[in-house]
Each structure stands twice: as structure tokens, then as C-alpha cells.
Amino acid sequence: MYNLNEQAVWFATPNIGLLEAVSHYGITDIVMDIEHGIFDITTSNLFILTAKSMGLTVHAKVLSANMTPVEQMLCLGADSVIIPHIGNLEHAKEICSHAKFAPLGCRSGGGGRTLEFGKADSQYFEKQNNNTRCYPMIETAEAFQDLDKILALDTVDGLFIGPTDLSLSQGRGAYSFDDTDKRILKVISLAAKNANKPWIMPAWSTQEQEFAHDIGANLLVFTHEQAILNAGLSAFLNKTI
């Protein structure tokens, strides 16, 4: 088992009870899967507020690769946005620009939580650019092809790898963590290292976790909400039957 500050738990629902348990056990990072989960703007707002009050770092995998989902989650106080379905360099440049204020990008200024409901000054915009993170997902053949150029963007703070969709997009079928998958992961890891930027990977199996850790993953999403519930229910049933 690795350090808890190198691991995150994946949430697909606004499960406050599990969120509290995660915090209790010392895990510091969570991923909200807004794209595939059942978060709406109201539940996202409450979930982020609750998570931040517990001292958790919140990575919001936004609904889509568009301006509004990216800016909304940052305005609600997410520490990072994970942006799915990034295509080529030009697409990454356009979408990731909404995660940073000018002069780096074109994120729109607004009031609310991140301003502590006050008035913005120049330091606020600089602080937001420095302290919030933008992680485009490498999960398409186009993004992989333009990997080094995407990493070079000033609006990109690191990468989040989507192994399943990347394998499908490259015409390799289902992701199986085979030798080709490992080679692809190593290429991404080396590119991130050369750019001096972190990368995150969902790694459900022990073998994936060990491999990703060995090649330099900065954060492993090591389990997800449903797996935790299934494991708990299975353990309970095995004990009582």
C-alpha cells in the first residue's frame, strides 16, 4: 500500500456518508465523476462544499469538454478539473483555456465561494491560476498523438489518463492492461516527466497500481464507490450466511 496522499477514491454519486468515511481513514483526494455519475449542479455544489470542509482535495471530472462545465466546477471550489474527450492540440488549447484566467486563458470572472463572497483583486486571479489545476484526459487517439504539445500548454497542469477509451479510440479493443497498454502508459508517463507535470491514473487492480506507481504516477485513483459498497456487502454476507 502506498502513501494515502498518493491515492484517491472515485465517486459517481453524492454519497456524503462514504465521503465522511474516506476522510476519517485519512485519504486526502477524491474524484467526482460528473460525466458518468448522477451529480447535477446542486448536488455538486453541496458535495464540493462538504468535501472541502473535511479538508479533502476535490478533482471534478466535468460533464463534457465545454466552457460551462469547466468554469462551473472551478467556481464551486473544485481544486482541479479533469476534462474528458479532449481531441487534438487545437481542441485542448480551446477547452483548457476556460480553466485559467487571462492572460493564461479566458476563464470568466464571477463572484461566489472562491472569492469568499467578496470582491476580486489581481491577486485573486493569479492565486486561482496557480492553485487550481487543469487535467485534460488522454483518452483519444488524437490527444495521444499530440501528447507533448498538449503538455506544453500553459493552461495544462498535468494529465489524467483514460485507459479504456484510449484503447478503444486507437482501435485496440477493450483495455486489458496487456503489453501494448503498458507501453502506451509508459509513453504518457515519460512525456509528463519531460514536461515536469504530474499525471493521474485510475488503477483498480494491484498490478495496475504497482505498475503506475513504478513509472511515476503522482496520484492513483485506487478504488471507486461501487467497489467499496460491493466489498462491504460481500464481507457482510460472507460473515452472516
Protein backbone atom coordinates (compact mmCIF):
# COMPACT_ATOMS: atom_id res chain seq x y z
CA MET A 1 0.00 0.00 0.00
CA TYR A 2 1.30 3.44 -0.91
CA ASN A 3 1.04 6.71 0.96
CA LEU A 4 -2.55 7.85 1.36
CA ASN A 5 -1.67 11.21 -0.20
CA GLU A 6 -0.87 9.31 -3.41
CA GLN A 7 -4.34 7.77 -3.62
CA ALA A 8 -7.85 8.95 -4.42
CA VAL A 9 -11.36 7.49 -4.27
CA TRP A 10 -13.75 7.77 -7.22
CA PHE A 11 -17.33 8.91 -6.58
CA ALA A 12 -20.21 8.57 -9.05
CA THR A 13 -22.90 9.74 -6.62
CA PRO A 14 -23.05 12.44 -3.92
CA ASN A 15 -22.60 9.87 -1.14
CA ILE A 16 -21.90 12.06 1.89
CA GLY A 17 -21.63 9.10 4.28
CA LEU A 18 -18.88 7.47 2.25
CA LEU A 19 -17.20 10.85 1.82
CA GLU A 20 -17.03 11.18 5.59
CA ALA A 21 -15.63 7.65 5.92
CA VAL A 22 -12.96 8.38 3.30
CA SER A 23 -11.91 11.47 5.24
CA HIS A 24 -11.93 9.51 8.51
CA TYR A 25 -9.46 6.95 7.10
CA GLY A 26 -7.00 9.65 6.10
CA ILE A 27 -7.43 9.62 2.32
CA THR A 28 -6.90 13.15 1.06
CA ASP A 29 -8.16 13.16 -2.56
CA ILE A 30 -11.44 12.35 -4.26
CA VAL A 31 -12.59 12.31 -7.88
CA MET A 32 -16.17 13.30 -8.75
CA ASP A 33 -17.29 11.58 -11.95
CA ILE A 34 -19.83 14.13 -13.08
CA GLU A 35 -19.63 12.88 -16.67
CA HIS A 36 -20.88 9.36 -15.93
CA GLY A 37 -22.35 9.80 -12.46
CA ILE A 38 -25.54 11.35 -11.11
CA PHE A 39 -24.21 14.72 -9.96
CA ASP A 40 -26.16 17.79 -11.00
CA ILE A 41 -25.19 21.40 -10.28
CA THR A 42 -26.97 21.43 -6.90
CA THR A 43 -25.54 18.14 -5.62
CA SER A 44 -22.10 19.09 -7.00
CA ASN A 45 -22.24 22.33 -5.06
CA LEU A 46 -23.11 20.62 -1.77
CA PHE A 47 -20.67 17.75 -2.32
CA ILE A 48 -17.74 20.05 -3.04
CA LEU A 49 -18.61 22.27 -0.07
CA THR A 50 -18.79 19.24 2.24
CA ALA A 51 -15.59 17.68 0.89
CA LYS A 52 -13.65 20.93 1.24
CA SER A 53 -14.93 21.39 4.80
CA MET A 54 -13.37 17.98 5.56
CA GLY A 55 -10.04 19.08 4.14
CA LEU A 56 -10.28 16.88 1.04
CA THR A 57 -8.80 17.77 -2.33
CA VAL A 58 -11.56 17.65 -4.95
CA HIS A 59 -10.91 16.65 -8.57
CA ALA A 60 -14.03 17.23 -10.66
CA LYS A 61 -14.27 15.16 -13.85
CA VAL A 62 -16.58 17.56 -15.62
CA LEU A 63 -19.69 16.79 -17.63
CA SER A 64 -18.15 17.49 -21.02
CA ALA A 65 -15.34 19.26 -22.83
CA ASN A 66 -17.06 22.64 -22.93
CA MET A 67 -16.71 26.04 -21.33
CA THR A 68 -19.62 25.94 -18.86
CA PRO A 69 -18.89 22.62 -17.08
CA VAL A 70 -15.22 23.58 -16.64
CA GLU A 71 -15.92 27.03 -15.25
CA GLN A 72 -18.82 25.92 -13.05
CA MET A 73 -16.80 23.35 -11.10
CA LEU A 74 -13.95 25.80 -10.52
CA CYS A 75 -16.42 28.44 -9.34
CA LEU A 76 -17.89 25.92 -6.91
CA GLY A 77 -14.44 25.42 -5.42
CA ALA A 78 -13.05 22.26 -7.02
CA ASP A 79 -9.29 22.05 -6.73
CA SER A 80 -8.96 20.68 -10.24
CA VAL A 81 -10.97 19.94 -13.33
CA ILE A 82 -10.47 16.72 -15.24
CA ILE A 83 -11.68 17.29 -18.79
CA PRO A 84 -12.89 14.27 -20.79
CA HIS A 85 -12.87 13.71 -24.55
CA ILE A 86 -10.05 16.09 -25.40
CA GLY A 87 -9.09 15.73 -29.04
CA ASN A 88 -6.12 17.26 -30.81
CA LEU A 89 -3.91 20.16 -29.75
CA GLU A 90 -6.28 22.86 -31.00
CA HIS A 91 -9.19 21.32 -29.12
CA ALA A 92 -7.12 21.07 -25.93
CA LYS A 93 -5.97 24.66 -26.33
CA GLU A 94 -9.55 25.91 -26.70
CA ILE A 95 -11.14 23.94 -23.86
CA CYS A 96 -8.33 24.17 -21.30
CA SER A 97 -8.24 27.95 -21.73
CA HIS A 98 -11.50 28.07 -19.75
CA ALA A 99 -9.70 26.74 -16.67
CA LYS A 100 -7.39 29.76 -16.38
CA PHE A 101 -7.97 33.49 -16.12
CA ALA A 102 -6.28 35.89 -18.55
CA PRO A 103 -3.53 36.26 -19.53
CA LEU A 104 -3.12 32.46 -19.44
CA GLY A 105 -6.64 31.66 -20.60
CA CYS A 106 -10.14 33.04 -20.86
CA ARG A 107 -11.94 31.84 -17.73
CA SER A 108 -14.74 34.23 -16.87
CA GLY A 109 -14.60 36.10 -13.57
CA GLY A 110 -17.52 35.80 -11.17
CA GLY A 111 -18.45 36.00 -7.53
CA GLY A 112 -19.17 33.27 -5.05
CA ARG A 113 -17.34 30.72 -2.95
CA THR A 114 -13.84 31.02 -4.35
CA LEU A 115 -13.98 34.77 -3.72
CA GLU A 116 -15.35 34.18 -0.21
CA PHE A 117 -18.29 36.24 -1.49
CA GLY A 118 -16.12 39.33 -1.69
CA LYS A 119 -14.59 41.39 -4.47
CA ALA A 120 -11.80 40.13 -6.72
CA ASP A 121 -8.43 41.82 -6.94
CA SER A 122 -5.45 40.99 -9.13
CA GLN A 123 -4.06 38.64 -6.52
CA TYR A 124 -7.25 36.56 -6.61
CA PHE A 125 -6.92 35.79 -10.33
CA GLU A 126 -3.24 34.95 -10.01
CA LYS A 127 -3.91 32.75 -6.98
CA GLN A 128 -6.65 30.86 -8.77
CA ASN A 129 -4.41 30.25 -11.77
CA ASN A 130 -1.64 28.96 -9.51
CA ASN A 131 -3.71 26.89 -7.09
CA THR A 132 -6.33 25.24 -9.28
CA ARG A 133 -5.37 22.52 -11.72
CA CYS A 134 -6.46 21.60 -15.23
CA TYR A 135 -6.03 17.96 -16.21
CA PRO A 136 -7.11 17.14 -19.77
CA MET A 137 -7.80 13.46 -20.22
CA ILE A 138 -5.63 11.49 -22.59
CA GLU A 139 -8.28 9.09 -23.82
CA THR A 140 -8.42 9.67 -27.57
CA ALA A 141 -6.03 8.76 -30.36
CA GLU A 142 -5.84 12.45 -31.31
CA ALA A 143 -4.83 13.55 -27.80
CA PHE A 144 -2.21 10.82 -27.62
CA GLN A 145 -0.82 11.90 -30.99
CA ASP A 146 -0.48 15.49 -29.75
CA LEU A 147 0.59 14.48 -26.24
CA ASP A 148 3.80 16.55 -25.99
CA LYS A 149 2.17 19.65 -27.47
CA ILE A 150 -0.80 19.42 -25.11
CA LEU A 151 1.55 19.08 -22.14
CA ALA A 152 3.37 22.21 -23.29
CA LEU A 153 0.24 24.38 -22.97
CA ASP A 154 0.41 26.96 -20.15
CA THR A 155 -3.21 26.16 -19.29
CA VAL A 156 -2.42 22.48 -18.69
CA ASP A 157 -1.11 21.50 -15.25
CA GLY A 158 -0.90 17.75 -15.86
CA LEU A 159 -2.76 14.79 -17.32
CA PHE A 160 -5.43 12.29 -16.38
CA ILE A 161 -5.21 9.02 -18.28
CA GLY A 162 -8.36 7.29 -19.53
CA PRO A 163 -7.02 3.82 -20.40
CA THR A 164 -10.32 2.29 -21.56
CA ASP A 165 -11.40 4.96 -24.01
CA LEU A 166 -7.83 5.43 -25.22
CA SER A 167 -7.56 1.76 -26.14
CA LEU A 168 -10.92 1.85 -27.93
CA SER A 169 -10.05 5.08 -29.74
CA GLN A 170 -6.80 3.61 -31.01
CA GLY A 171 -8.64 0.58 -32.40
CA ARG A 172 -7.12 -1.81 -29.88
CA GLY A 173 -10.38 -3.02 -28.41
CA ALA A 174 -11.02 -3.29 -24.69
CA TYR A 175 -8.31 -2.17 -22.30
CA SER A 176 -6.78 -5.26 -20.71
CA PHE A 177 -3.54 -3.95 -19.20
CA ASP A 178 -1.57 -6.01 -21.70
CA ASP A 179 1.93 -5.26 -23.02
CA THR A 180 0.63 -2.70 -25.52
CA ASP A 181 -1.37 -0.92 -22.82
CA LYS A 182 1.73 -0.83 -20.63
CA ARG A 183 3.82 0.58 -23.47
CA ILE A 184 1.27 3.34 -24.06
CA LEU A 185 1.20 4.17 -20.35
CA LYS A 186 4.99 4.39 -20.29
CA VAL A 187 4.96 6.81 -23.24
CA ILE A 188 2.49 9.07 -21.42
CA SER A 189 4.46 8.86 -18.19
CA LEU A 190 7.72 9.81 -19.91
CA ALA A 191 6.08 12.73 -21.71
CA ALA A 192 4.69 14.06 -18.42
CA LYS A 193 8.08 13.64 -16.75
CA ASN A 194 9.82 15.50 -19.56
CA ALA A 195 7.27 18.32 -19.22
CA ASN A 196 7.70 18.30 -15.43
CA LYS A 197 3.96 17.89 -14.96
CA PRO A 198 2.04 15.33 -12.87
CA TRP A 199 -0.28 12.63 -14.14
CA ILE A 200 -3.16 10.75 -12.59
CA MET A 201 -4.48 7.30 -13.43
CA PRO A 202 -7.45 5.18 -12.37
CA ALA A 203 -5.82 1.88 -11.38
CA TRP A 204 -8.24 -0.62 -9.91
CA SER A 205 -6.07 -3.73 -9.66
CA THR A 206 -2.99 -4.23 -7.52
CA GLN A 207 -0.96 -4.94 -10.67
CA GLU A 208 -2.04 -1.67 -12.28
CA GLN A 209 -1.35 0.26 -9.09
CA GLU A 210 2.16 -1.15 -8.72
CA PHE A 211 2.95 -0.53 -12.38
CA ALA A 212 1.61 3.05 -12.39
CA HIS A 213 3.45 3.82 -9.18
CA ASP A 214 6.69 2.40 -10.56
CA ILE A 215 6.52 4.53 -13.72
CA GLY A 216 5.84 7.72 -11.79
CA ALA A 217 2.10 8.29 -11.37
CA ASN A 218 1.58 11.19 -8.98
CA LEU A 219 -1.91 10.11 -7.91
CA LEU A 220 -3.67 6.76 -8.23
CA VAL A 221 -7.44 6.53 -8.18
CA PHE A 222 -7.28 3.16 -6.49
CA THR A 223 -10.92 2.33 -5.82
CA HIS A 224 -14.41 3.53 -6.62
CA GLU A 225 -17.62 3.95 -4.73
CA GLN A 226 -19.37 0.86 -6.11
CA ALA A 227 -16.37 -1.37 -5.44
CA ILE A 228 -16.34 -0.24 -1.81
CA LEU A 229 -20.06 -0.93 -1.42
CA ASN A 230 -19.77 -4.32 -3.13
CA ALA A 231 -16.80 -5.33 -0.98
CA GLY A 232 -18.59 -4.30 2.19
CA LEU A 233 -21.79 -6.12 1.27
CA SER A 234 -19.87 -9.24 0.24
CA ALA A 235 -17.93 -9.26 3.50
CA PHE A 236 -21.13 -8.85 5.48
CA LEU A 237 -22.93 -11.62 3.60
CA ASN A 238 -19.99 -13.99 3.94
CA LYS A 239 -19.93 -13.34 7.66
CA THR A 240 -23.64 -13.80 8.28
CA ILE A 241 -24.60 -16.63 5.92
